[in-house]
Amino acid sequence: MSRGVCIVDDDASVRKSLANLLRSAGFVTLLFASGEELLASDQAPTAGCVLLDLKMPGLTGLDVQRELARLGWRLPVICMSAHWDDLAIEASLRQGAVACLGKPFSEEALLKVVEEALASGEQIHT
């Protein structure tokens, strides 16, 4: 599923709108309401990248990033949040995020970073 994008956000309307946009651009999407759901998935490790909300109940985006690294899942991660601050951005980048998007973001910005993340993921897997 090299063009697959995992969308992890606790807001169902955000998951749905992001999935619709990405599908219209030709991507396969997997939707998860929490980091716990993502980590329990047997399909997620073979996806192309993860679009990850930082502020969620339960495991936060940073928690999920740490767990992905611990599990050895070498997936490019794009972090997103409506509650940005410099510390959150720095922490997510330190954890290996390939990009950080502040909500709301444009369709063009999202598609650009997803393409870049998928390209970086292809380099990781080869």
Protein backbone atom coordinates (compact mmCIF):
# COMPACT_ATOMS: atom_id res chain seq x y z
CA MET A 1 0.00 0.00 0.00
CA SER A 2 2.77 2.41 -0.92
CA ARG A 3 0.35 5.27 -1.69
CA GLY A 4 -1.74 4.60 1.39
CA VAL A 5 -2.21 7.38 3.91
CA CYS A 6 -3.20 6.65 7.51
CA ILE A 7 -5.34 9.48 8.88
CA VAL A 8 -5.35 9.64 12.69
CA ASP A 9 -7.69 12.24 14.20
CA ASP A 10 -10.25 12.03 17.00
CA ASP A 11 -12.65 14.29 15.06
CA ALA A 12 -14.78 12.19 12.68
CA SER A 13 -15.57 15.15 10.41
CA VAL A 14 -11.86 15.93 10.00
CA ARG A 15 -11.10 12.28 9.19
CA LYS A 16 -13.88 12.18 6.62
CA SER A 17 -12.97 15.45 4.89
CA LEU A 18 -9.26 14.58 4.73
CA ALA A 19 -10.08 11.11 3.40
CA ASN A 20 -12.37 12.54 0.71
CA LEU A 21 -9.71 15.00 -0.42
CA LEU A 22 -6.93 12.42 -0.49
CA ARG A 23 -9.10 9.84 -2.29
CA SER A 24 -10.05 12.42 -4.92
CA ALA A 25 -6.30 12.88 -5.51
CA GLY A 26 -5.84 9.13 -6.01
CA PHE A 27 -4.64 8.03 -2.57
CA VAL A 28 -5.81 5.05 -0.58
CA THR A 29 -6.76 6.03 2.98
CA LEU A 30 -7.01 4.21 6.28
CA LEU A 31 -8.91 6.04 9.02
CA PHE A 32 -8.22 5.84 12.74
CA ALA A 33 -10.02 7.66 15.57
CA SER A 34 -7.04 7.33 17.92
CA GLY A 35 -3.38 6.52 18.12
CA GLU A 36 -4.30 3.29 19.86
CA GLU A 37 -6.36 2.23 16.80
CA LEU A 38 -3.45 3.00 14.48
CA LEU A 39 -0.99 1.01 16.57
CA ALA A 40 -3.38 -1.98 16.74
CA SER A 41 -3.81 -2.07 12.95
CA ASP A 42 -2.12 -4.78 10.93
CA GLN A 43 -2.45 -2.67 7.75
CA ALA A 44 -0.86 0.54 9.05
CA PRO A 45 2.78 -0.66 9.01
CA THR A 46 2.59 -1.11 5.21
CA ALA A 47 1.09 2.32 4.51
CA GLY A 48 3.01 5.09 2.78
CA CYS A 49 2.70 7.72 5.52
CA VAL A 50 0.73 8.84 8.57
CA LEU A 51 -1.22 12.09 8.91
CA LEU A 52 -1.31 12.46 12.69
CA ASP A 53 -3.22 14.87 14.91
CA LEU A 54 -1.08 15.95 17.87
CA LYS A 55 -3.89 16.72 20.34
CA MET A 56 -6.05 13.65 20.99
CA PRO A 57 -7.49 11.97 24.06
CA GLY A 58 -5.48 8.94 25.15
CA LEU A 59 -2.19 8.76 23.29
CA THR A 60 -1.14 12.15 21.96
CA GLY A 61 0.50 12.51 18.58
CA LEU A 62 3.91 12.69 20.24
CA ASP A 63 3.14 9.49 22.16
CA VAL A 64 2.21 7.80 18.89
CA GLN A 65 5.41 9.01 17.23
CA ARG A 66 7.49 7.56 20.07
CA GLU A 67 5.63 4.24 19.86
CA LEU A 68 6.04 4.05 16.07
CA ALA A 69 9.79 4.48 16.55
CA ARG A 70 9.88 1.88 19.33
CA LEU A 71 8.02 -0.62 17.12
CA GLY A 72 10.37 0.06 14.22
CA TRP A 73 7.60 1.28 11.91
CA ARG A 74 9.53 3.46 9.49
CA LEU A 75 6.57 5.51 8.30
CA PRO A 76 6.92 9.18 7.40
CA VAL A 77 4.72 11.18 9.79
CA ILE A 78 2.98 14.47 9.03
CA CYS A 79 1.78 16.12 12.22
CA MET A 80 -1.20 18.44 12.30
CA SER A 81 -2.84 20.46 15.03
CA ALA A 82 -5.15 23.39 15.61
CA HIS A 83 -3.24 24.11 18.83
CA TRP A 84 0.26 24.91 17.62
CA ASP A 85 3.02 26.20 19.73
CA ASP A 86 6.77 26.25 19.10
CA LEU A 87 7.42 23.50 21.65
CA ALA A 88 4.93 21.13 19.99
CA ILE A 89 6.44 21.77 16.56
CA GLU A 90 9.99 21.26 17.82
CA ALA A 91 9.05 18.09 19.71
CA SER A 92 7.25 16.53 16.74
CA LEU A 93 10.18 17.32 14.43
CA ARG A 94 12.62 15.87 16.98
CA GLN A 95 10.51 12.71 16.99
CA GLY A 96 11.01 12.49 13.22
CA ALA A 97 7.98 14.21 11.68
CA VAL A 98 8.64 15.11 8.05
CA ALA A 99 6.22 18.07 8.21
CA CYS A 100 3.89 19.94 10.56
CA LEU A 101 0.61 21.50 9.43
CA GLY A 102 -1.39 24.00 11.44
CA LYS A 103 -5.17 23.58 11.12
CA PRO A 104 -6.81 24.87 9.08
CA PHE A 105 -4.49 24.21 6.15
CA SER A 106 -5.07 24.41 2.41
CA GLU A 107 -5.74 21.42 0.21
CA GLU A 108 -2.63 22.33 -1.78
CA ALA A 109 -0.44 22.37 1.34
CA LEU A 110 -1.75 18.96 2.43
CA LEU A 111 -1.32 17.33 -0.98
CA LYS A 112 2.20 18.74 -1.29
CA VAL A 113 3.40 17.38 2.07
CA VAL A 114 1.69 14.01 1.50
CA GLU A 115 3.48 13.65 -1.86
CA GLU A 116 6.78 14.60 -0.20
CA ALA A 117 6.19 12.17 2.68
CA LEU A 118 5.38 9.33 0.30
CA ALA A 119 8.51 10.08 -1.71
CA SER A 120 10.62 10.06 1.47
CA GLY A 121 8.96 6.78 2.51
CA GLU A 122 9.90 5.17 -0.79
CA GLN A 123 13.53 6.13 -0.09
CA ILE A 124 13.30 4.59 3.41
CA HIS A 125 11.96 1.27 2.08
CA THR A 126 14.58 0.81 -0.64
